[in-house]
Protein backbone atom coordinates (compact mmCIF):
# COMPACT_ATOMS: atom_id res chain seq x y z
CA UNK A 1 0.00 0.00 0.00
CA UNK A 2 2.73 2.46 0.98
CA UNK A 3 4.77 1.56 -2.10
CA UNK A 4 1.84 2.27 -4.40
CA UNK A 5 1.25 5.66 -2.81
CA UNK A 6 4.95 6.53 -3.12
CA UNK A 7 5.00 5.56 -6.79
CA UNK A 8 1.92 7.67 -7.56
CA UNK A 9 3.33 10.71 -5.74
CA UNK A 10 6.67 10.38 -7.52
CA UNK A 11 5.02 10.04 -10.93
CA UNK A 12 2.99 13.19 -10.31
CA UNK A 13 6.09 15.06 -9.13
CA UNK A 14 7.99 13.85 -12.20
CA UNK A 15 5.26 15.13 -14.51
CA UNK A 16 5.22 18.47 -12.70
CA UNK A 17 8.99 18.86 -13.06
CA UNK A 18 9.14 18.23 -16.81
CA UNK A 19 10.59 21.27 -18.61
CA UNK A 20 7.60 21.45 -20.97
CA UNK A 21 5.52 23.20 -18.29
CA UNK A 22 5.75 26.97 -18.02
CA UNK A 23 6.80 27.11 -14.38
CA UNK A 24 9.68 24.66 -14.82
CA UNK A 25 10.98 25.62 -18.27
CA UNK A 26 14.10 27.33 -16.91
CA UNK A 27 15.02 24.42 -14.63
CA UNK A 28 16.26 22.16 -17.43
CA UNK A 29 16.19 18.39 -17.11
CA UNK A 30 17.91 18.11 -13.72
CA UNK A 31 14.78 17.90 -11.49
CA UNK A 32 12.94 15.46 -13.73
CA UNK A 33 16.05 13.29 -14.11
CA UNK A 34 16.56 13.19 -10.35
CA UNK A 35 12.91 12.37 -9.70
CA UNK A 36 13.04 9.69 -12.39
CA UNK A 37 16.00 8.10 -10.66
CA UNK A 38 14.18 8.14 -7.31
CA UNK A 39 11.11 6.64 -9.00
CA UNK A 40 13.17 3.78 -10.45
CA UNK A 41 14.74 3.09 -7.04
CA UNK A 42 11.32 3.04 -5.33
CA UNK A 43 9.90 0.70 -7.99
CA UNK A 44 12.84 -1.67 -7.52
CA UNK A 45 12.40 -1.61 -3.74
CA UNK A 46 8.66 -2.30 -4.08
CA UNK A 47 9.34 -5.24 -6.41
CA UNK A 48 11.92 -6.63 -3.97
CA UNK A 49 9.43 -6.30 -1.11
CA UNK A 50 11.46 -3.81 0.92
CA UNK A 51 8.70 -1.19 1.04
PDB file of N, CA and C in Angstrom:
ATOM      1  N   UNK A   1       0.825  -1.189   0.000  1.00  0.00           N
ATOM      2  CA  UNK A   1       0.000   0.000   0.000  1.00  0.00           C
ATOM      3  C   UNK A   1       0.869   1.253   0.000  1.00  0.00           C
ATOM      4  N   UNK A   2       1.858   1.293   0.889  1.00  0.00           N
ATOM      5  CA  UNK A   2       2.728   2.459   0.975  1.00  0.00           C
ATOM      6  C   UNK A   2       3.551   2.621  -0.296  1.00  0.00           C
ATOM      7  N   UNK A   3       3.991   1.510  -0.862  1.00  0.00           N
ATOM      8  CA  UNK A   3       4.769   1.559  -2.097  1.00  0.00           C
ATOM      9  C   UNK A   3       3.964   2.137  -3.251  1.00  0.00           C
ATOM     10  N   UNK A   4       2.706   1.758  -3.345  1.00  0.00           N
ATOM     11  CA  UNK A   4       1.845   2.273  -4.404  1.00  0.00           C
ATOM     12  C   UNK A   4       1.636   3.776  -4.261  1.00  0.00           C
ATOM     13  N   UNK A   5       1.434   4.236  -3.057  1.00  0.00           N
ATOM     14  CA  UNK A   5       1.254   5.664  -2.808  1.00  0.00           C
ATOM     15  C   UNK A   5       2.527   6.424  -3.157  1.00  0.00           C
ATOM     16  N   UNK A   6       3.685   5.888  -2.784  1.00  0.00           N
ATOM     17  CA  UNK A   6       4.954   6.535  -3.120  1.00  0.00           C
ATOM     18  C   UNK A   6       5.164   6.625  -4.624  1.00  0.00           C
ATOM     19  N   UNK A   7       4.837   5.565  -5.333  1.00  0.00           N
ATOM     20  CA  UNK A   7       5.003   5.563  -6.787  1.00  0.00           C
ATOM     21  C   UNK A   7       4.087   6.597  -7.436  1.00  0.00           C
ATOM     22  N   UNK A   8       2.851   6.690  -6.995  1.00  0.00           N
ATOM     23  CA  UNK A   8       1.917   7.666  -7.557  1.00  0.00           C
ATOM     24  C   UNK A   8       2.392   9.087  -7.299  1.00  0.00           C
ATOM     25  N   UNK A   9       2.844   9.367  -6.076  1.00  0.00           N
ATOM     26  CA  UNK A   9       3.334  10.706  -5.739  1.00  0.00           C
ATOM     27  C   UNK A   9       4.562  11.056  -6.565  1.00  0.00           C
ATOM     28  N   UNK A  10       5.469  10.110  -6.733  1.00  0.00           N
ATOM     29  CA  UNK A  10       6.674  10.378  -7.518  1.00  0.00           C
ATOM     30  C   UNK A  10       6.365  10.577  -8.999  1.00  0.00           C
ATOM     31  N   UNK A  11       5.407   9.847  -9.531  1.00  0.00           N
ATOM     32  CA  UNK A  11       5.020  10.035 -10.935  1.00  0.00           C
ATOM     33  C   UNK A  11       4.424  11.427 -11.128  1.00  0.00           C
ATOM     34  N   UNK A  12       3.568  11.862 -10.210  1.00  0.00           N
ATOM     35  CA  UNK A  12       2.986  13.192 -10.307  1.00  0.00           C
ATOM     36  C   UNK A  12       4.053  14.281 -10.178  1.00  0.00           C
ATOM     37  N   UNK A  13       5.004  14.089  -9.276  1.00  0.00           N
ATOM     38  CA  UNK A  13       6.094  15.065  -9.131  1.00  0.00           C
ATOM     39  C   UNK A  13       6.971  15.080 -10.374  1.00  0.00           C
ATOM     40  N   UNK A  14       7.195  13.922 -10.977  1.00  0.00           N
ATOM     41  CA  UNK A  14       7.988  13.847 -12.196  1.00  0.00           C
ATOM     42  C   UNK A  14       7.298  14.579 -13.341  1.00  0.00           C
ATOM     43  N   UNK A  15       6.002  14.424 -13.462  1.00  0.00           N
ATOM     44  CA  UNK A  15       5.257  15.129 -14.506  1.00  0.00           C
ATOM     45  C   UNK A  15       5.263  16.639 -14.262  1.00  0.00           C
ATOM     46  N   UNK A  16       5.196  17.042 -13.022  1.00  0.00           N
ATOM     47  CA  UNK A  16       5.222  18.467 -12.702  1.00  0.00           C
ATOM     48  C   UNK A  16       6.576  19.106 -12.921  1.00  0.00           C
ATOM     49  N   UNK A  17       7.640  18.323 -12.910  1.00  0.00           N
ATOM     50  CA  UNK A  17       8.988  18.863 -13.065  1.00  0.00           C
ATOM     51  C   UNK A  17       9.494  18.815 -14.498  1.00  0.00           C
ATOM     52  N   UNK A  18       8.711  18.266 -15.408  1.00  0.00           N
ATOM     53  CA  UNK A  18       9.144  18.229 -16.806  1.00  0.00           C
ATOM     54  C   UNK A  18       9.304  19.654 -17.346  1.00  0.00           C
ATOM     55  N   UNK A  19      10.335  19.900 -18.136  1.00  0.00           N
ATOM     56  CA  UNK A  19      10.587  21.266 -18.614  1.00  0.00           C
ATOM     57  C   UNK A  19       9.611  21.754 -19.675  1.00  0.00           C
ATOM     58  N   UNK A  20       8.586  20.982 -20.006  1.00  0.00           N
ATOM     59  CA  UNK A  20       7.596  21.448 -20.970  1.00  0.00           C
ATOM     60  C   UNK A  20       6.571  22.371 -20.329  1.00  0.00           C
ATOM     61  N   UNK A  21       6.450  22.328 -18.997  1.00  0.00           N
ATOM     62  CA  UNK A  21       5.522  23.201 -18.292  1.00  0.00           C
ATOM     63  C   UNK A  21       6.129  24.589 -18.154  1.00  0.00           C
ATOM     64  N   UNK A  22       5.293  25.587 -18.096  1.00  0.00           N
ATOM     65  CA  UNK A  22       5.755  26.965 -18.024  1.00  0.00           C
ATOM     66  C   UNK A  22       6.547  27.293 -16.773  1.00  0.00           C
ATOM     67  N   UNK A  23       6.122  26.764 -15.631  1.00  0.00           N
ATOM     68  CA  UNK A  23       6.798  27.107 -14.376  1.00  0.00           C
ATOM     69  C   UNK A  23       8.160  26.437 -14.231  1.00  0.00           C
ATOM     70  N   UNK A  24       8.414  25.381 -14.983  1.00  0.00           N
ATOM     71  CA  UNK A  24       9.677  24.657 -14.824  1.00  0.00           C
ATOM     72  C   UNK A  24      10.554  24.703 -16.073  1.00  0.00           C
ATOM     73  N   UNK A  25      10.233  25.578 -17.009  1.00  0.00           N
ATOM     74  CA  UNK A  25      10.976  25.625 -18.265  1.00  0.00           C
ATOM     75  C   UNK A  25      12.433  26.004 -18.065  1.00  0.00           C
ATOM     76  N   UNK A  26      12.719  26.884 -17.123  1.00  0.00           N
ATOM     77  CA  UNK A  26      14.100  27.333 -16.911  1.00  0.00           C
ATOM     78  C   UNK A  26      14.921  26.377 -16.048  1.00  0.00           C
ATOM     79  N   UNK A  27      14.303  25.351 -15.495  1.00  0.00           N
ATOM     80  CA  UNK A  27      15.023  24.418 -14.629  1.00  0.00           C
ATOM     81  C   UNK A  27      15.890  23.447 -15.415  1.00  0.00           C
ATOM     82  N   UNK A  28      15.542  23.167 -16.655  1.00  0.00           N
ATOM     83  CA  UNK A  28      16.256  22.164 -17.429  1.00  0.00           C
ATOM     84  C   UNK A  28      15.767  20.773 -17.067  1.00  0.00           C
ATOM     85  N   UNK A  29      16.591  19.777 -17.345  1.00  0.00           N
ATOM     86  CA  UNK A  29      16.191  18.385 -17.113  1.00  0.00           C
ATOM     87  C   UNK A  29      16.667  17.838 -15.773  1.00  0.00           C
ATOM     88  N   UNK A  30      17.368  18.625 -14.981  1.00  0.00           N
ATOM     89  CA  UNK A  30      17.908  18.113 -13.720  1.00  0.00           C
ATOM     90  C   UNK A  30      16.828  17.618 -12.758  1.00  0.00           C
ATOM     91  N   UNK A  31      15.783  18.401 -12.444  1.00  0.00           N
ATOM     92  CA  UNK A  31      14.780  17.900 -11.485  1.00  0.00           C
ATOM     93  C   UNK A  31      14.049  16.650 -11.972  1.00  0.00           C
ATOM     94  N   UNK A  32      13.675  16.628 -13.244  1.00  0.00           N
ATOM     95  CA  UNK A  32      12.937  15.462 -13.730  1.00  0.00           C
ATOM     96  C   UNK A  32      13.841  14.235 -13.809  1.00  0.00           C
ATOM     97  N   UNK A  33      15.114  14.425 -14.092  1.00  0.00           N
ATOM     98  CA  UNK A  33      16.048  13.294 -14.106  1.00  0.00           C
ATOM     99  C   UNK A  33      16.264  12.739 -12.716  1.00  0.00           C
ATOM    100  N   UNK A  34      16.385  13.620 -11.735  1.00  0.00           N
ATOM    101  CA  UNK A  34      16.555  13.186 -10.347  1.00  0.00           C
ATOM    102  C   UNK A  34      15.325  12.474  -9.822  1.00  0.00           C
ATOM    103  N   UNK A  35      14.146  13.021 -10.135  1.00  0.00           N
ATOM    104  CA  UNK A  35      12.912  12.366  -9.696  1.00  0.00           C
ATOM    105  C   UNK A  35      12.711  11.037 -10.410  1.00  0.00           C
ATOM    106  N   UNK A  36      13.124  10.963 -11.666  1.00  0.00           N
ATOM    107  CA  UNK A  36      13.038   9.695 -12.393  1.00  0.00           C
ATOM    108  C   UNK A  36      13.908   8.629 -11.762  1.00  0.00           C
ATOM    109  N   UNK A  37      15.101   9.030 -11.334  1.00  0.00           N
ATOM    110  CA  UNK A  37      16.000   8.095 -10.660  1.00  0.00           C
ATOM    111  C   UNK A  37      15.401   7.609  -9.343  1.00  0.00           C
ATOM    112  N   UNK A  38      14.831   8.521  -8.571  1.00  0.00           N
ATOM    113  CA  UNK A  38      14.185   8.139  -7.309  1.00  0.00           C
ATOM    114  C   UNK A  38      13.003   7.213  -7.589  1.00  0.00           C
ATOM    115  N   UNK A  39      12.248   7.492  -8.646  1.00  0.00           N
ATOM    116  CA  UNK A  39      11.115   6.641  -8.999  1.00  0.00           C
ATOM    117  C   UNK A  39      11.572   5.229  -9.344  1.00  0.00           C
ATOM    118  N   UNK A  40      12.635   5.101 -10.096  1.00  0.00           N
ATOM    119  CA  UNK A  40      13.167   3.781 -10.445  1.00  0.00           C
ATOM    120  C   UNK A  40      13.618   3.032  -9.198  1.00  0.00           C
ATOM    121  N   UNK A  41      14.282   3.726  -8.279  1.00  0.00           N
ATOM    122  CA  UNK A  41      14.737   3.092  -7.043  1.00  0.00           C
ATOM    123  C   UNK A  41      13.554   2.608  -6.215  1.00  0.00           C
ATOM    124  N   UNK A  42      12.501   3.436  -6.109  1.00  0.00           N
ATOM    125  CA  UNK A  42      11.322   3.037  -5.333  1.00  0.00           C
ATOM    126  C   UNK A  42      10.628   1.845  -5.983  1.00  0.00           C
ATOM    127  N   UNK A  43      10.534   1.844  -7.301  1.00  0.00           N
ATOM    128  CA  UNK A  43       9.902   0.703  -7.992  1.00  0.00           C
ATOM    129  C   UNK A  43      10.693  -0.577  -7.743  1.00  0.00           C
ATOM    130  N   UNK A  44      12.008  -0.493  -7.793  1.00  0.00           N
ATOM    131  CA  UNK A  44      12.837  -1.668  -7.520  1.00  0.00           C
ATOM    132  C   UNK A  44      12.649  -2.143  -6.083  1.00  0.00           C
ATOM    133  N   UNK A  45      12.602  -1.218  -5.132  1.00  0.00           N
ATOM    134  CA  UNK A  45      12.404  -1.608  -3.737  1.00  0.00           C
ATOM    135  C   UNK A  45      11.027  -2.238  -3.520  1.00  0.00           C
ATOM    136  N   UNK A  46       9.999  -1.713  -4.199  1.00  0.00           N
ATOM    137  CA  UNK A  46       8.658  -2.305  -4.079  1.00  0.00           C
ATOM    138  C   UNK A  46       8.654  -3.718  -4.651  1.00  0.00           C
ATOM    139  N   UNK A  47       9.297  -3.909  -5.806  1.00  0.00           N
ATOM    140  CA  UNK A  47       9.341  -5.236  -6.415  1.00  0.00           C
ATOM    141  C   UNK A  47      10.120  -6.232  -5.563  1.00  0.00           C
ATOM    142  N   UNK A  48      11.138  -5.751  -4.838  1.00  0.00           N
ATOM    143  CA  UNK A  48      11.924  -6.626  -3.971  1.00  0.00           C
ATOM    144  C   UNK A  48      11.234  -6.878  -2.628  1.00  0.00           C
ATOM    145  N   UNK A  49      10.168  -6.124  -2.353  1.00  0.00           N
ATOM    146  CA  UNK A  49       9.426  -6.305  -1.107  1.00  0.00           C
ATOM    147  C   UNK A  49      10.005  -5.548   0.070  1.00  0.00           C
ATOM    148  N   UNK A  50      10.852  -4.576  -0.167  1.00  0.00           N
ATOM    149  CA  UNK A  50      11.460  -3.813   0.922  1.00  0.00           C
ATOM    150  C   UNK A  50      10.556  -2.695   1.444  1.00  0.00           C
ATOM    151  N   UNK A  51       9.624  -2.255   0.612  1.00  0.00           N
ATOM    152  CA  UNK A  51       8.697  -1.186   1.036  1.00  0.00           C
ATOM    153  C   UNK A  51       7.305  -1.776   1.069  1.00  0.00           C
TER     154      UNK A  51
END
